[in-house]
Amino acid sequence: MARLPRFVIPDQPQHIIQRGNNRDIIFVRDEDYVFYIKKLKLACDKHRCQIHTYVLMTNHVYLLMTPCTEPV
């Protein structure tokens, strides 16, 4: 079954949790964290999102972000 479209309200903060598959480790080395942060910044610039804060754990990520526009 297909996933339903996400409910997005522009300019309203959202709490996002991203976990590794089967809660496996996703960050092994320090370079993995740096790579993720760089890619996150590029994605936010592309999709006009603002990250207020983030927490990167070894097997999951917490983001508090605000989308600035309606999704395409």
Foldseek 3Di string as FASTA:
>chain_A
DDDDDDDADAPDKDKDKFFDVVNDFQDDDPVSVVVVVVVVVVVCVVQVKAWPDKDDDRTMIITIMGGHDDDD
